[in-house]
Amino acid sequence: MTDRGSAGTIVRDGPWGFFFLLAYVGAAIYFISISDGSFWAVVLGLLQAIVWPVYVVYHLLVVLGA
């Protein structure tokens, strides 16, 4: 009988991953819809969808006066 010594790892980030996926898709749809539809505008919209939380934090800090 052999003992492989394997240890199990439990990852419980599934619901948060799905939430962030939905947030990315929603942001991508928004940023692409306000673009002019050219190829580079769509690429820029996809990149903005990745970093949209930065926009939120920046504008929140502006409103708070920090």
C-alpha atoms as a PDB file:
ATOM      1  CA  MET A   1       0.000   0.000   0.000  1.00  0.00           C
ATOM      2  CA  THR A   2       1.414   3.372  -0.982  1.00  0.00           C
ATOM      3  CA  ASP A   3       0.760   6.711   0.604  1.00  0.00           C
ATOM      4  CA  ARG A   4       0.894   9.482  -1.952  1.00  0.00           C
ATOM      5  CA  GLY A   5       0.870  12.176   0.704  1.00  0.00           C
ATOM      6  CA  SER A   6      -1.539  14.300  -1.265  1.00  0.00           C
ATOM      7  CA  ALA A   7      -3.198  17.156   0.543  1.00  0.00           C
ATOM      8  CA  GLY A   8      -6.510  18.581  -0.591  1.00  0.00           C
ATOM      9  CA  THR A   9      -6.965  22.274  -1.233  1.00  0.00           C
ATOM     10  CA  ILE A  10     -10.390  23.799  -0.968  1.00  0.00           C
ATOM     11  CA  VAL A  11     -10.956  26.929  -3.023  1.00  0.00           C
ATOM     12  CA  ARG A  12     -14.106  28.866  -2.228  1.00  0.00           C
ATOM     13  CA  ASP A  13     -13.756  31.777  -4.646  1.00  0.00           C
ATOM     14  CA  GLY A  14     -16.251  30.505  -7.203  1.00  0.00           C
ATOM     15  CA  PRO A  15     -19.100  32.958  -6.521  1.00  0.00           C
ATOM     16  CA  TRP A  16     -16.726  35.956  -6.470  1.00  0.00           C
ATOM     17  CA  GLY A  17     -15.135  34.880  -9.737  1.00  0.00           C
ATOM     18  CA  PHE A  18     -18.544  34.729 -11.361  1.00  0.00           C
ATOM     19  CA  PHE A  19     -19.425  38.172  -9.953  1.00  0.00           C
ATOM     20  CA  PHE A  20     -16.215  39.677 -11.369  1.00  0.00           C
ATOM     21  CA  LEU A  21     -16.868  38.024 -14.726  1.00  0.00           C
ATOM     22  CA  LEU A  22     -20.331  39.598 -14.839  1.00  0.00           C
ATOM     23  CA  ALA A  23     -18.855  42.961 -13.818  1.00  0.00           C
ATOM     24  CA  TYR A  24     -16.272  42.721 -16.617  1.00  0.00           C
ATOM     25  CA  VAL A  25     -18.863  41.778 -19.230  1.00  0.00           C
ATOM     26  CA  GLY A  26     -21.141  44.607 -18.126  1.00  0.00           C
ATOM     27  CA  ALA A  27     -18.292  47.125 -18.189  1.00  0.00           C
ATOM     28  CA  ALA A  28     -17.161  45.871 -21.605  1.00  0.00           C
ATOM     29  CA  ILE A  29     -20.666  46.273 -23.007  1.00  0.00           C
ATOM     30  CA  TYR A  30     -20.878  49.788 -21.576  1.00  0.00           C
ATOM     31  CA  PHE A  31     -17.471  50.981 -22.806  1.00  0.00           C
ATOM     32  CA  ILE A  32     -17.921  49.453 -26.259  1.00  0.00           C
ATOM     33  CA  SER A  33     -21.409  50.932 -26.586  1.00  0.00           C
ATOM     34  CA  ILE A  34     -20.119  54.473 -25.977  1.00  0.00           C
ATOM     35  CA  SER A  35     -17.229  54.051 -28.450  1.00  0.00           C
ATOM     36  CA  ASP A  36     -17.459  55.000 -32.119  1.00  0.00           C
ATOM     37  CA  GLY A  37     -17.237  51.359 -33.238  1.00  0.00           C
ATOM     38  CA  SER A  38     -13.787  51.397 -34.826  1.00  0.00           C
ATOM     39  CA  PHE A  39     -11.413  48.530 -34.138  1.00  0.00           C
ATOM     40  CA  TRP A  40      -9.105  50.472 -31.819  1.00  0.00           C
ATOM     41  CA  ALA A  41     -12.026  52.039 -29.975  1.00  0.00           C
ATOM     42  CA  VAL A  42     -13.360  48.543 -29.234  1.00  0.00           C
ATOM     43  CA  VAL A  43      -9.914  47.407 -28.068  1.00  0.00           C
ATOM     44  CA  LEU A  44      -9.702  50.490 -25.847  1.00  0.00           C
ATOM     45  CA  GLY A  45     -13.188  49.705 -24.506  1.00  0.00           C
ATOM     46  CA  LEU A  46     -12.085  46.187 -23.565  1.00  0.00           C
ATOM     47  CA  LEU A  47      -9.005  47.558 -21.814  1.00  0.00           C
ATOM     48  CA  GLN A  48     -11.114  50.113 -19.959  1.00  0.00           C
ATOM     49  CA  ALA A  49     -13.416  47.298 -18.843  1.00  0.00           C
ATOM     50  CA  ILE A  50     -10.435  45.647 -17.159  1.00  0.00           C
ATOM     51  CA  VAL A  51      -9.439  48.748 -15.177  1.00  0.00           C
ATOM     52  CA  TRP A  52     -12.862  50.307 -14.474  1.00  0.00           C
ATOM     53  CA  PRO A  53     -12.457  49.979 -10.682  1.00  0.00           C
ATOM     54  CA  VAL A  54      -9.567  52.454 -10.963  1.00  0.00           C
ATOM     55  CA  TYR A  55     -11.972  55.013 -12.456  1.00  0.00           C
ATOM     56  CA  VAL A  56     -14.409  54.445  -9.601  1.00  0.00           C
ATOM     57  CA  VAL A  57     -11.772  54.869  -6.880  1.00  0.00           C
ATOM     58  CA  TYR A  58     -10.325  57.974  -8.576  1.00  0.00           C
ATOM     59  CA  HIS A  59     -13.690  59.696  -8.864  1.00  0.00           C
ATOM     60  CA  LEU A  60     -14.608  58.675  -5.324  1.00  0.00           C
ATOM     61  CA  LEU A  61     -11.415  60.284  -4.039  1.00  0.00           C
ATOM     62  CA  VAL A  62     -12.148  63.439  -6.077  1.00  0.00           C
ATOM     63  CA  VAL A  63     -15.612  63.665  -4.547  1.00  0.00           C
ATOM     64  CA  LEU A  64     -14.223  63.146  -1.046  1.00  0.00           C
ATOM     65  CA  GLY A  65     -11.600  65.824  -1.650  1.00  0.00           C
ATOM     66  CA  ALA A  66      -8.632  63.634  -0.860  1.00  0.00           C
END
